[in-house]
Each structure stands twice: as structure tokens, then as C-alpha cells.
Amino acid sequence: MTVRFPLLSALFLLAVPAHAQEFHVQPYLQDMPPTSAVIMWETSHGSESIVEWGPTEAIGQRSSGEAGLSAGSARIHTVEISGLE
């Protein structure tokens, strides 16, 4: 499952969950200091946490994070991207 998640008008994000995970909670901004952003989402299972992002739809950057347990086998994914302008 692939979901596009716009952050700013000039920044596009792509959350890439693996192995046909189902979203329990769609990707959202948890925190956004001046030059970084924390993206979180919750899936049915899995531990891969990757956000592909960039200043255009061509993407170009990739950040990975971690997944912690939620209820049952659900996972809460957290990825911080940095170097934003």
C-alpha cells in the first residue's frame, strides 16, 4: 500500500509500508520544528518504517525510523525527516 502525504506545497512525502499492511491511522505530522518533521502512522503489523520525500513529486530522499507495538499486533511507526528548508 502506498500513500502520498503532502507536507508543504513544495514537499511531497510517500509512506511505504511493506507486505500489504493496512493502515489503522493514516500518516500525520506529529511534530514540525523549523528544519525537520516527525511523521507517524499506525498499521496492522510490520516493522518497516520508511518515508520517501523531496521538494518535487520526483521525491529523491529516503528516511527510515522505528515501529513500536500498539494494541495486539498493530504497530505505531515513527520517522523523522531532517534538512528541510
C-alpha atoms as a PDB file:
ATOM      1  CA  MET A   1       0.000   0.000   0.000  1.00  0.00           C
ATOM      2  CA  THR A   2       1.377   3.382  -0.973  1.00  0.00           C
ATOM      3  CA  VAL A   3       0.063   6.701   0.269  1.00  0.00           C
ATOM      4  CA  ARG A   4       1.085  10.208  -0.783  1.00  0.00           C
ATOM      5  CA  PHE A   5       1.134  12.673   2.096  1.00  0.00           C
ATOM      6  CA  PRO A   6       1.707  16.366   1.261  1.00  0.00           C
ATOM      7  CA  LEU A   7       3.717  18.227   3.896  1.00  0.00           C
ATOM      8  CA  LEU A   8       4.176  21.649   2.313  1.00  0.00           C
ATOM      9  CA  SER A   9       3.348  22.981  -1.118  1.00  0.00           C
ATOM     10  CA  ALA A  10       6.921  22.233  -2.236  1.00  0.00           C
ATOM     11  CA  LEU A  11       7.442  18.987  -0.293  1.00  0.00           C
ATOM     12  CA  PHE A  12       5.874  15.628  -1.038  1.00  0.00           C
ATOM     13  CA  LEU A  13       6.055  12.564   1.201  1.00  0.00           C
ATOM     14  CA  LEU A  14       5.490   8.940   0.370  1.00  0.00           C
ATOM     15  CA  ALA A  15       4.909   6.475   3.183  1.00  0.00           C
ATOM     16  CA  VAL A  16       5.861   2.997   2.036  1.00  0.00           C
ATOM     17  CA  PRO A  17       4.519   0.240   4.271  1.00  0.00           C
ATOM     18  CA  ALA A  18       5.648  -3.293   3.382  1.00  0.00           C
ATOM     19  CA  HIS A  19       3.747  -6.540   2.801  1.00  0.00           C
ATOM     20  CA  ALA A  20       0.187  -5.255   2.247  1.00  0.00           C
ATOM     21  CA  GLN A  21      -0.189  -3.711   5.665  1.00  0.00           C
ATOM     22  CA  GLU A  22      -3.463  -1.994   6.439  1.00  0.00           C
ATOM     23  CA  PHE A  23      -3.437   1.495   7.863  1.00  0.00           C
ATOM     24  CA  HIS A  24      -5.184   1.822  11.219  1.00  0.00           C
ATOM     25  CA  VAL A  25      -4.182   5.514  11.294  1.00  0.00           C
ATOM     26  CA  GLN A  26      -3.110   7.355   8.116  1.00  0.00           C
ATOM     27  CA  PRO A  27       0.256   9.213   8.154  1.00  0.00           C
ATOM     28  CA  TYR A  28       0.187  12.527  10.016  1.00  0.00           C
ATOM     29  CA  LEU A  29       2.581  15.212  11.282  1.00  0.00           C
ATOM     30  CA  GLN A  30       3.400  14.691  14.945  1.00  0.00           C
ATOM     31  CA  ASP A  31       5.949  17.475  15.328  1.00  0.00           C
ATOM     32  CA  MET A  32       7.453  20.050  12.984  1.00  0.00           C
ATOM     33  CA  PRO A  33      10.407  22.134  14.186  1.00  0.00           C
ATOM     34  CA  PRO A  34      11.809  24.648  11.610  1.00  0.00           C
ATOM     35  CA  THR A  35      14.017  22.217   9.630  1.00  0.00           C
ATOM     36  CA  SER A  36      12.570  18.770  10.374  1.00  0.00           C
ATOM     37  CA  ALA A  37       9.307  16.867  10.715  1.00  0.00           C
ATOM     38  CA  VAL A  38       8.166  13.772  12.595  1.00  0.00           C
ATOM     39  CA  ILE A  39       5.722  11.615  10.627  1.00  0.00           C
ATOM     40  CA  MET A  40       3.704   8.914  12.404  1.00  0.00           C
ATOM     41  CA  TRP A  41       1.176   6.284  11.315  1.00  0.00           C
ATOM     42  CA  GLU A  42      -0.252   3.010  12.610  1.00  0.00           C
ATOM     43  CA  THR A  43      -0.540  -0.241  10.652  1.00  0.00           C
ATOM     44  CA  SER A  44      -1.949  -3.708  11.228  1.00  0.00           C
ATOM     45  CA  HIS A  45       1.521  -5.279  11.517  1.00  0.00           C
ATOM     46  CA  GLY A  46       5.115  -4.998  10.298  1.00  0.00           C
ATOM     47  CA  SER A  47       8.184  -3.135  11.449  1.00  0.00           C
ATOM     48  CA  GLU A  48       9.457  -1.336   8.338  1.00  0.00           C
ATOM     49  CA  SER A  49       9.142   2.450   8.727  1.00  0.00           C
ATOM     50  CA  ILE A  50      10.221   4.413   5.644  1.00  0.00           C
ATOM     51  CA  VAL A  51       9.246   7.820   4.295  1.00  0.00           C
ATOM     52  CA  GLU A  52      10.381   8.879   0.835  1.00  0.00           C
ATOM     53  CA  TRP A  53      10.253  12.632   0.351  1.00  0.00           C
ATOM     54  CA  GLY A  54      11.591  15.537  -1.663  1.00  0.00           C
ATOM     55  CA  PRO A  55      10.907  19.031  -2.964  1.00  0.00           C
ATOM     56  CA  THR A  56       9.056  17.722  -6.047  1.00  0.00           C
ATOM     57  CA  GLU A  57       6.976  14.705  -6.974  1.00  0.00           C
ATOM     58  CA  ALA A  58      10.233  13.063  -8.136  1.00  0.00           C
ATOM     59  CA  ILE A  59      10.919  12.501  -4.392  1.00  0.00           C
ATOM     60  CA  GLY A  60      14.703  11.794  -4.093  1.00  0.00           C
ATOM     61  CA  GLN A  61      15.154  11.468  -0.311  1.00  0.00           C
ATOM     62  CA  ARG A  62      14.524   8.489   1.973  1.00  0.00           C
ATOM     63  CA  SER A  63      14.307   8.424   5.785  1.00  0.00           C
ATOM     64  CA  SER A  64      13.729   5.402   7.995  1.00  0.00           C
ATOM     65  CA  GLY A  65      12.542   5.140  11.560  1.00  0.00           C
ATOM     66  CA  GLU A  66      11.142   2.662  14.031  1.00  0.00           C
ATOM     67  CA  ALA A  67       7.919   0.826  14.782  1.00  0.00           C
ATOM     68  CA  GLY A  68       6.682   0.164  18.303  1.00  0.00           C
ATOM     69  CA  LEU A  69       3.915  -2.157  19.443  1.00  0.00           C
ATOM     70  CA  SER A  70       0.402  -0.827  19.809  1.00  0.00           C
ATOM     71  CA  ALA A  71      -2.720  -2.882  20.637  1.00  0.00           C
ATOM     72  CA  GLY A  72      -2.398  -6.550  19.631  1.00  0.00           C
ATOM     73  CA  SER A  73      -0.004  -6.899  16.694  1.00  0.00           C
ATOM     74  CA  ALA A  74      -0.583  -3.323  15.469  1.00  0.00           C
ATOM     75  CA  ARG A  75       2.473  -1.095  15.061  1.00  0.00           C
ATOM     76  CA  ILE A  76       2.975   2.641  15.533  1.00  0.00           C
ATOM     77  CA  HIS A  77       5.575   3.885  13.040  1.00  0.00           C
ATOM     78  CA  THR A  78       7.708   6.990  13.642  1.00  0.00           C
ATOM     79  CA  VAL A  79      10.061   8.582  11.103  1.00  0.00           C
ATOM     80  CA  GLU A  80      11.896  11.891  11.443  1.00  0.00           C
ATOM     81  CA  ILE A  81      12.962  13.711   8.311  1.00  0.00           C
ATOM     82  CA  SER A  82      15.527  16.476   8.583  1.00  0.00           C
ATOM     83  CA  GLY A  83      17.232  19.016   6.366  1.00  0.00           C
ATOM     84  CA  LEU A  84      14.002  20.741   5.387  1.00  0.00           C
ATOM     85  CA  GLU A  85      14.194  24.294   4.098  1.00  0.00           C
END
